[in-house]
C-alpha atoms as a PDB file:
ATOM      1  CA  MET A   1       0.000   0.000   0.000  1.00  0.00           C
ATOM      2  CA  ARG A   2       1.315   3.481  -0.865  1.00  0.00           C
ATOM      3  CA  MET A   3       2.671   5.516   2.053  1.00  0.00           C
ATOM      4  CA  THR A   4       0.351   8.451   1.318  1.00  0.00           C
ATOM      5  CA  VAL A   5      -2.682   6.146   1.416  1.00  0.00           C
ATOM      6  CA  TYR A   6      -1.461   4.565   4.655  1.00  0.00           C
ATOM      7  CA  LYS A   7      -1.128   8.023   6.244  1.00  0.00           C
ATOM      8  CA  LEU A   8      -4.615   8.966   5.080  1.00  0.00           C
ATOM      9  CA  LEU A   9      -6.013   5.817   6.685  1.00  0.00           C
ATOM     10  CA  GLN A  10      -4.267   6.720   9.941  1.00  0.00           C
ATOM     11  CA  GLU A  11      -5.673  10.233   9.822  1.00  0.00           C
ATOM     12  CA  ALA A  12      -9.170   8.905   9.167  1.00  0.00           C
ATOM     13  CA  GLN A  13      -8.906   6.532  12.116  1.00  0.00           C
ATOM     14  CA  GLN A  14      -7.686   9.264  14.449  1.00  0.00           C
ATOM     15  CA  LYS A  15     -10.492  11.635  13.502  1.00  0.00           C
ATOM     16  CA  MET A  16     -13.220   8.997  13.717  1.00  0.00           C
ATOM     17  CA  ASN A  17     -11.877   7.770  17.042  1.00  0.00           C
ATOM     18  CA  GLY A  18     -11.790  11.343  18.325  1.00  0.00           C
ATOM     19  CA  TYR A  19     -15.531  11.660  17.716  1.00  0.00           C
ATOM     20  CA  ALA A  20     -16.160   8.326  19.444  1.00  0.00           C
ATOM     21  CA  VAL A  21     -14.159   9.377  22.511  1.00  0.00           C
ATOM     22  CA  TYR A  22     -15.906  12.746  22.632  1.00  0.00           C
ATOM     23  CA  MET A  23     -19.285  11.023  22.385  1.00  0.00           C
ATOM     24  CA  ASN A  24     -18.504   8.876  25.430  1.00  0.00           C
ATOM     25  CA  TYR A  25     -17.249  11.962  27.271  1.00  0.00           C
ATOM     26  CA  GLN A  26     -20.568  13.677  26.560  1.00  0.00           C
ATOM     27  CA  PHE A  27     -22.434  10.640  27.884  1.00  0.00           C
ATOM     28  CA  MET A  28     -20.583  10.966  31.195  1.00  0.00           C
ATOM     29  CA  HIS A  29     -22.074  14.424  31.654  1.00  0.00           C
ATOM     30  CA  PHE A  30     -25.499  12.893  32.101  1.00  0.00           C
ATOM     31  CA  GLY A  31     -24.841  11.809  35.659  1.00  0.00           C
ATOM     32  CA  VAL A  32     -25.966   8.311  36.577  1.00  0.00           C
ATOM     33  CA  LYS A  33     -22.786   6.815  37.980  1.00  0.00           C
ATOM     34  CA  ALA A  34     -19.928   8.829  39.445  1.00  0.00           C
ATOM     35  CA  GLU A  35     -17.381   8.880  36.623  1.00  0.00           C
ATOM     36  CA  PRO A  36     -14.241  10.941  37.415  1.00  0.00           C
ATOM     37  CA  ALA A  37     -13.802  12.070  33.794  1.00  0.00           C
ATOM     38  CA  ALA A  38     -17.013  14.088  34.180  1.00  0.00           C
ATOM     39  CA  LEU A  39     -15.130  16.340  36.617  1.00  0.00           C
ATOM     40  CA  LEU A  40     -12.619  17.462  33.988  1.00  0.00           C
ATOM     41  CA  THR A  41     -14.842  20.417  33.119  1.00  0.00           C
ATOM     42  CA  VAL A  42     -14.824  21.701  36.706  1.00  0.00           C
ATOM     43  CA  GLU A  43     -12.625  24.782  37.111  1.00  0.00           C
ATOM     44  CA  VAL A  44     -12.344  26.270  40.584  1.00  0.00           C
ATOM     45  CA  GLU A  45     -11.698  29.983  41.017  1.00  0.00           C
ATOM     46  CA  VAL A  46      -9.357  30.652  43.932  1.00  0.00           C
ATOM     47  CA  GLY A  47      -8.038  34.145  44.552  1.00  0.00           C
ATOM     48  CA  GLY A  48      -8.950  35.236  41.052  1.00  0.00           C
ATOM     49  CA  GLU A  49      -7.110  32.297  39.489  1.00  0.00           C
ATOM     50  CA  ARG A  50      -8.931  29.459  37.728  1.00  0.00           C
ATOM     51  CA  MET A  51      -7.579  26.061  38.735  1.00  0.00           C
ATOM     52  CA  ASN A  52      -8.348  22.456  37.813  1.00  0.00           C
ATOM     53  CA  LEU A  53     -10.339  20.556  40.424  1.00  0.00           C
ATOM     54  CA  GLU A  54      -7.466  18.122  40.928  1.00  0.00           C
ATOM     55  CA  ASP A  55      -5.263  21.038  42.036  1.00  0.00           C
ATOM     56  CA  VAL A  56      -7.549  21.972  44.922  1.00  0.00           C
ATOM     57  CA  ALA A  57      -9.185  18.694  45.958  1.00  0.00           C
ATOM     58  CA  ASP A  58      -8.700  14.950  46.138  1.00  0.00           C
ATOM     59  CA  VAL A  59     -11.497  12.795  44.710  1.00  0.00           C
ATOM     60  CA  ALA A  60     -12.920   9.619  46.243  1.00  0.00           C
ATOM     61  CA  LEU A  61     -15.913   7.438  45.320  1.00  0.00           C
ATOM     62  CA  PRO A  62     -17.767   6.427  48.513  1.00  0.00           C
ATOM     63  CA  GLN A  63     -20.684   5.031  46.442  1.00  0.00           C
ATOM     64  CA  ASP A  64     -21.192   4.196  42.769  1.00  0.00           C
ATOM     65  CA  ASP A  65     -23.257   7.352  42.400  1.00  0.00           C
ATOM     66  CA  GLN A  66     -21.221   9.704  44.614  1.00  0.00           C
ATOM     67  CA  PHE A  67     -18.074  11.826  44.506  1.00  0.00           C
ATOM     68  CA  ALA A  68     -16.362  12.900  47.711  1.00  0.00           C
ATOM     69  CA  LEU A  69     -14.277  16.022  47.011  1.00  0.00           C
ATOM     70  CA  ILE A  70     -11.790  16.551  49.822  1.00  0.00           C
ATOM     71  CA  PRO A  71     -10.328  20.089  49.778  1.00  0.00           C
ATOM     72  CA  LYS A  72      -6.567  20.376  50.043  1.00  0.00           C
ATOM     73  CA  GLU A  73      -7.262  23.577  51.993  1.00  0.00           C
ATOM     74  CA  GLN A  74     -10.499  24.236  53.888  1.00  0.00           C
ATOM     75  CA  ASP A  75     -10.561  27.730  52.389  1.00  0.00           C
ATOM     76  CA  TYR A  76     -11.318  26.082  49.023  1.00  0.00           C
ATOM     77  CA  LEU A  77     -14.571  24.531  50.234  1.00  0.00           C
ATOM     78  CA  PHE A  78     -17.043  27.159  49.024  1.00  0.00           C
ATOM     79  CA  ALA A  79     -15.226  27.667  45.718  1.00  0.00           C
ATOM     80  CA  ILE A  80     -15.354  23.918  45.029  1.00  0.00           C
ATOM     81  CA  CYS A  81     -19.105  23.788  45.730  1.00  0.00           C
ATOM     82  CA  LYS A  82     -19.704  26.749  43.429  1.00  0.00           C
ATOM     83  CA  ALA A  83     -17.579  25.328  40.606  1.00  0.00           C
ATOM     84  CA  VAL A  84     -19.233  21.897  40.702  1.00  0.00           C
ATOM     85  CA  ALA A  85     -22.714  23.461  40.769  1.00  0.00           C
ATOM     86  CA  GLN A  86     -21.865  25.529  37.691  1.00  0.00           C
ATOM     87  CA  ALA A  87     -20.454  22.588  35.735  1.00  0.00           C
ATOM     88  CA  HIS A  88     -23.043  20.037  36.915  1.00  0.00           C
ATOM     89  CA  PRO A  89     -26.209  21.773  38.164  1.00  0.00           C
ATOM     90  CA  ASP A  90     -27.997  18.417  38.365  1.00  0.00           C
ATOM     91  CA  TYR A  91     -25.673  17.054  41.076  1.00  0.00           C
ATOM     92  CA  LYS A  92     -26.941  17.105  44.665  1.00  0.00           C
ATOM     93  CA  ILE A  93     -24.199  18.898  46.602  1.00  0.00           C
ATOM     94  CA  LYS A  94     -23.701  18.837  50.368  1.00  0.00           C
ATOM     95  CA  GLN A  95     -20.945  19.850  52.750  1.00  0.00           C
ATOM     96  CA  LYS A  96     -20.195  17.037  55.169  1.00  0.00           C
ATOM     97  CA  PRO A  97     -17.928  16.819  58.233  1.00  0.00           C
ATOM     98  CA  MET A  98     -14.778  14.780  57.753  1.00  0.00           C
ATOM     99  CA  ASP A  99     -15.614  13.005  61.006  1.00  0.00           C
ATOM    100  CA  GLU A 100     -18.997  11.450  60.208  1.00  0.00           C
ATOM    101  CA  ASP A 101     -19.242  10.031  63.726  1.00  0.00           C
ATOM    102  CA  SER A 102     -19.282  13.489  65.253  1.00  0.00           C
ATOM    103  CA  GLU A 103     -22.234  14.508  63.073  1.00  0.00           C
ATOM    104  CA  GLU A 104     -24.218  11.428  64.072  1.00  0.00           C
ATOM    105  CA  SER A 105     -23.468  11.853  67.756  1.00  0.00           C
ATOM    106  CA  GLY A 106     -24.114  15.599  67.735  1.00  0.00           C
ATOM    107  CA  GLU A 107     -20.618  16.450  68.961  1.00  0.00           C
ATOM    108  CA  GLU A 108     -19.338  19.981  68.456  1.00  0.00           C
ATOM    109  CA  GLU A 109     -16.566  20.890  66.033  1.00  0.00           C
ATOM    110  CA  SER A 110     -12.880  20.398  66.693  1.00  0.00           C
ATOM    111  CA  SER A 111     -10.949  22.272  69.394  1.00  0.00           C
ATOM    112  CA  ASP A 112      -9.792  25.016  67.016  1.00  0.00           C
ATOM    113  CA  GLY A 113     -13.435  26.043  66.561  1.00  0.00           C
ATOM    114  CA  GLU A 114     -13.849  24.775  63.045  1.00  0.00           C
ATOM    115  CA  GLU A 115     -14.484  21.262  61.827  1.00  0.00           C
ATOM    116  CA  ASP A 116     -12.923  20.121  58.552  1.00  0.00           C
ATOM    117  CA  ARG A 117     -15.523  19.410  55.904  1.00  0.00           C
ATOM    118  CA  TYR A 118     -15.657  17.927  52.419  1.00  0.00           C
ATOM    119  CA  VAL A 119     -18.049  18.121  49.470  1.00  0.00           C
ATOM    120  CA  LEU A 120     -20.332  15.164  48.745  1.00  0.00           C
ATOM    121  CA  CYS A 121     -21.840  15.097  45.242  1.00  0.00           C
ATOM    122  CA  THR A 122     -24.648  12.639  44.558  1.00  0.00           C
ATOM    123  CA  MET A 123     -26.073  11.863  41.141  1.00  0.00           C
ATOM    124  CA  PRO A 124     -29.807  12.665  40.839  1.00  0.00           C
ATOM    125  CA  GLU A 125     -32.258   9.778  40.882  1.00  0.00           C
ATOM    126  CA  VAL A 126     -33.450   8.508  37.519  1.00  0.00           C
ATOM    127  CA  ASN A 127     -37.209   9.033  37.771  1.00  0.00           C
ATOM    128  CA  ASP A 128     -39.680   8.890  34.872  1.00  0.00           C
ATOM    129  CA  ASP A 129     -38.775  12.302  33.465  1.00  0.00           C
ATOM    130  CA  ARG A 130     -35.034  11.857  33.858  1.00  0.00           C
ATOM    131  CA  HIS A 131     -35.178   8.397  32.284  1.00  0.00           C
ATOM    132  CA  ASP A 132     -36.867   9.770  29.172  1.00  0.00           C
ATOM    133  CA  ALA A 133     -34.585  12.810  29.036  1.00  0.00           C
ATOM    134  CA  GLY A 134     -31.529  10.590  29.377  1.00  0.00           C
ATOM    135  CA  MET A 135     -32.545   8.249  26.591  1.00  0.00           C
ATOM    136  CA  ASP A 136     -33.299  11.206  24.311  1.00  0.00           C
ATOM    137  CA  TYR A 137     -29.948  12.806  25.183  1.00  0.00           C
ATOM    138  CA  VAL A 138     -27.991   9.629  24.438  1.00  0.00           C
ATOM    139  CA  LYS A 139     -29.802   9.169  21.123  1.00  0.00           C
ATOM    140  CA  ALA A 140     -29.151  12.773  20.080  1.00  0.00           C
ATOM    141  CA  ILE A 141     -25.436  12.670  20.953  1.00  0.00           C
ATOM    142  CA  TYR A 142     -25.010   9.292  19.263  1.00  0.00           C
ATOM    143  CA  GLU A 143     -26.655  10.472  16.056  1.00  0.00           C
ATOM    144  CA  GLU A 144     -24.665  13.720  16.040  1.00  0.00           C
ATOM    145  CA  MET A 145     -21.294  12.020  16.478  1.00  0.00           C
ATOM    146  CA  THR A 146     -21.942   9.114  14.117  1.00  0.00           C
ATOM    147  CA  ALA A 147     -23.044  11.619  11.449  1.00  0.00           C
ATOM    148  CA  LYS A 148     -19.661  13.335  11.832  1.00  0.00           C
ATOM    149  CA  ILE A 149     -17.942   9.962  11.535  1.00  0.00           C
ATOM    150  CA  ASP A 150     -19.868   9.305   8.318  1.00  0.00           C
ATOM    151  CA  VAL A 151     -18.628  12.620   6.927  1.00  0.00           C
ATOM    152  CA  VAL A 152     -15.021  11.742   7.791  1.00  0.00           C
ATOM    153  CA  ASN A 153     -15.403   8.326   6.182  1.00  0.00           C
ATOM    154  CA  ALA A 154     -16.760   9.824   2.964  1.00  0.00           C
ATOM    155  CA  ALA A 155     -14.141  12.575   2.865  1.00  0.00           C
ATOM    156  CA  TYR A 156     -11.209  10.208   3.309  1.00  0.00           C
ATOM    157  CA  GLY A 157     -12.698   7.768   0.845  1.00  0.00           C
ATOM    158  CA  ALA A 158     -12.564  10.561  -1.726  1.00  0.00           C
ATOM    159  CA  LYS A 159      -9.001  11.547  -0.729  1.00  0.00           C
ATOM    160  CA  ILE A 160      -7.778   7.973  -1.037  1.00  0.00           C
ATOM    161  CA  ALA A 161      -9.496   7.511  -4.394  1.00  0.00           C
ATOM    162  CA  LYS A 162      -7.773  10.665  -5.638  1.00  0.00           C
ATOM    163  CA  GLN A 163      -4.374   9.346  -4.549  1.00  0.00           C
ATOM    164  CA  LEU A 164      -5.000   6.065  -6.357  1.00  0.00           C
ATOM    165  CA  VAL A 165      -6.094   7.437  -9.704  1.00  0.00           C
ATOM    166  CA  GLY A 166      -4.604   5.104 -12.325  1.00  0.00           C
ATOM    167  CA  ALA A 167      -3.698   2.460  -9.726  1.00  0.00           C
ATOM    168  CA  LYS A 168      -4.409  -1.236 -10.162  1.00  0.00           C
ATOM    169  CA  PRO A 169      -7.956  -2.328  -9.234  1.00  0.00           C
ATOM    170  CA  GLU A 170      -6.653  -4.619  -6.485  1.00  0.00           C
ATOM    171  CA  GLU A 171      -4.805  -1.705  -4.882  1.00  0.00           C
ATOM    172  CA  MET A 172      -7.995   0.360  -4.915  1.00  0.00           C
ATOM    173  CA  ASP A 173      -9.948  -2.529  -3.413  1.00  0.00           C
ATOM    174  CA  GLU A 174      -7.389  -3.016  -0.636  1.00  0.00           C
ATOM    175  CA  ALA A 175      -7.529   0.648   0.345  1.00  0.00           C
ATOM    176  CA  LYS A 176     -11.333   0.656   0.355  1.00  0.00           C
ATOM    177  CA  GLU A 177     -11.415  -2.483   2.508  1.00  0.00           C
ATOM    178  CA  GLU A 178      -8.988  -0.978   5.034  1.00  0.00           C
ATOM    179  CA  LEU A 179     -11.032   2.215   5.316  1.00  0.00           C
ATOM    180  CA  GLN A 180     -14.201   0.161   5.717  1.00  0.00           C
ATOM    181  CA  LYS A 181     -12.565  -1.838   8.518  1.00  0.00           C
ATOM    182  CA  VAL A 182     -11.659   1.354  10.339  1.00  0.00           C
ATOM    183  CA  TYR A 183     -15.167   2.749   9.873  1.00  0.00           C
ATOM    184  CA  ASP A 184     -16.886  -0.445  11.029  1.00  0.00           C
ATOM    185  CA  GLN A 185     -14.624  -0.707  14.078  1.00  0.00           C
ATOM    186  CA  ILE A 186     -15.351   2.870  15.183  1.00  0.00           C
ATOM    187  CA  LYS A 187     -19.085   2.473  14.613  1.00  0.00           C
ATOM    188  CA  ASP A 188     -19.042  -0.682  16.764  1.00  0.00           C
ATOM    189  CA  ILE A 189     -17.264   1.259  19.527  1.00  0.00           C
ATOM    190  CA  CYS A 190     -19.868   4.020  19.327  1.00  0.00           C
ATOM    191  CA  LYS A 191     -22.662   1.478  19.508  1.00  0.00           C
ATOM    192  CA  SER A 192     -21.120  -0.140  22.596  1.00  0.00           C
ATOM    193  CA  TYR A 193     -20.779   3.267  24.305  1.00  0.00           C
ATOM    194  CA  ARG A 194     -24.427   4.020  23.598  1.00  0.00           C
ATOM    195  CA  GLU A 195     -25.627   0.626  24.813  1.00  0.00           C
ATOM    196  CA  GLU A 196     -23.583   0.918  28.005  1.00  0.00           C
ATOM    197  CA  LYS A 197     -24.985   4.364  28.815  1.00  0.00           C
ATOM    198  CA  GLU A 198     -28.538   3.293  28.065  1.00  0.00           C
ATOM    199  CA  LYS A 199     -28.005   0.278  30.312  1.00  0.00           C
ATOM    200  CA  GLN A 200     -26.803   2.580  33.102  1.00  0.00           C
ATOM    201  CA  ILE A 201     -29.884   4.753  32.769  1.00  0.00           C
ATOM    202  CA  GLU A 202     -32.268   1.801  32.600  1.00  0.00           C
ATOM    203  CA  GLU A 203     -30.746   0.074  35.638  1.00  0.00           C
ATOM    204  CA  ALA A 204     -30.921   3.288  37.658  1.00  0.00           C
ATOM    205  CA  TYR A 205     -34.528   3.766  36.568  1.00  0.00           C
ATOM    206  CA  GLN A 206     -35.468   0.234  37.616  1.00  0.00           C
ATOM    207  CA  ASP A 207     -33.800   0.870  40.982  1.00  0.00           C
ATOM    208  CA  TYR A 208     -35.872   4.050  41.347  1.00  0.00           C
ATOM    209  CA  LEU A 209     -39.094   2.174  40.512  1.00  0.00           C
ATOM    210  CA  LYS A 210     -38.230  -0.539  43.028  1.00  0.00           C
ATOM    211  CA  LYS A 211     -37.580   1.973  45.815  1.00  0.00           C
ATOM    212  CA  LYS A 212     -40.749   3.875  44.913  1.00  0.00           C
ATOM    213  CA  ALA A 213     -42.836   0.694  45.062  1.00  0.00           C
ATOM    214  CA  GLU A 214     -41.277  -0.255  48.415  1.00  0.00           C
ATOM    215  CA  ALA A 215     -41.990   3.214  49.820  1.00  0.00           C
ATOM    216  CA  GLU A 216     -45.591   3.086  48.606  1.00  0.00           C
ATOM    217  CA  GLN A 217     -46.025  -0.377  50.113  1.00  0.00           C
ATOM    218  CA  ALA A 218     -44.592   0.790  53.432  1.00  0.00           C
ATOM    219  CA  GLU A 219     -46.908   3.812  53.447  1.00  0.00           C
ATOM    220  CA  SER A 220     -49.887   1.601  52.616  1.00  0.00           C
ATOM    221  CA  GLU A 221     -49.018  -0.674  55.531  1.00  0.00           C
ATOM    222  CA  ARG A 222     -48.676   2.319  57.870  1.00  0.00           C
ATOM    223  CA  GLN A 223     -52.071   3.620  56.820  1.00  0.00           C
ATOM    224  CA  ALA A 224     -53.597   0.179  57.265  1.00  0.00           C
ATOM    225  CA  ALA A 225     -52.055  -0.059  60.739  1.00  0.00           C
ATOM    226  CA  ARG A 226     -53.460   3.343  61.703  1.00  0.00           C
ATOM    227  CA  GLY A 227     -56.863   2.207  60.456  1.00  0.00           C
ATOM    228  CA  GLU A 228     -56.634  -0.916  62.597  1.00  0.00           C
ATOM    229  CA  ASP A 229     -55.696   1.183  65.635  1.00  0.00           C
ATOM    230  CA  LYS A 230     -58.740   3.377  65.129  1.00  0.00           C
ATOM    231  CA  GLY A 231     -60.922   0.298  64.743  1.00  0.00           C
ATOM    232  CA  MET A 232     -59.569  -1.148  67.992  1.00  0.00           C
ATOM    233  CA  LYS A 233     -60.296   2.092  69.846  1.00  0.00           C
ATOM    234  CA  LEU A 234     -63.861   2.117  68.574  1.00  0.00           C
ATOM    235  CA  ASP A 235     -64.349  -1.490  69.614  1.00  0.00           C
ATOM    236  CA  LEU A 236     -63.006  -0.765  73.095  1.00  0.00           C
ATOM    237  CA  SER A 237     -65.355   2.192  73.526  1.00  0.00           C
ATOM    238  CA  GLN A 238     -68.287  -0.115  73.065  1.00  0.00           C
ATOM    239  CA  PHE A 239     -67.214  -2.071  76.144  1.00  0.00           C
ATOM    240  CA  THR A 240     -66.283   0.904  78.317  1.00  0.00           C
ATOM    241  CA  GLY A 241     -69.231   3.028  77.324  1.00  0.00           C
ATOM    242  CA  LYS A 242     -66.897   5.961  76.738  1.00  0.00           C
ATOM    243  CA  GLU A 243     -67.067   8.128  73.619  1.00  0.00           C
END
């Protein structure tokens, strides 16, 4: 295969792959699981200087759907909360004491008068509306990025054909097959990214429905119990003669 054609195939692969990677990055911004790459867009303003989140906080994952952002300096706490809220307004953000036991026991802050705190970010629950919005979002991003990949494929097909004007038919066929392999591989990757994100959303939605049903069942049982209590009181009044 000619060197120029080989370089064109490499370029095509890099550009198509770039769109696939960007598509997956966009998927991460619809928060279902806590994925650290989603925090790359968070810039924290400290003293008039914009800094990457990793420069001002350490990141931990206490739960699959939570980030714990531990400030390297307590003075960064408010700025971190503000930056995360701007980048991800759908996250549920709370300041929590580093010593969870002290919060549960009601103990006062540390001896210096201030208790160290961290930022806990929780992904929003996937209810009916969020489930539908998520599926629509994934579909739209997938179609946008795969359309761009189609454009790249067509453009490089034309460039390769131009380079091989007058070449032997078998050389043309080989180049076309290689470009098709690249295209098919990237499209398969995109499809797997989409399926994985849709699976995330669906699993979170089913978890929401399960918890909702359990809560409704518990409330129904509480109401039934209250009804039984009232019935018992009425029955007792018949024996005591009291209203």
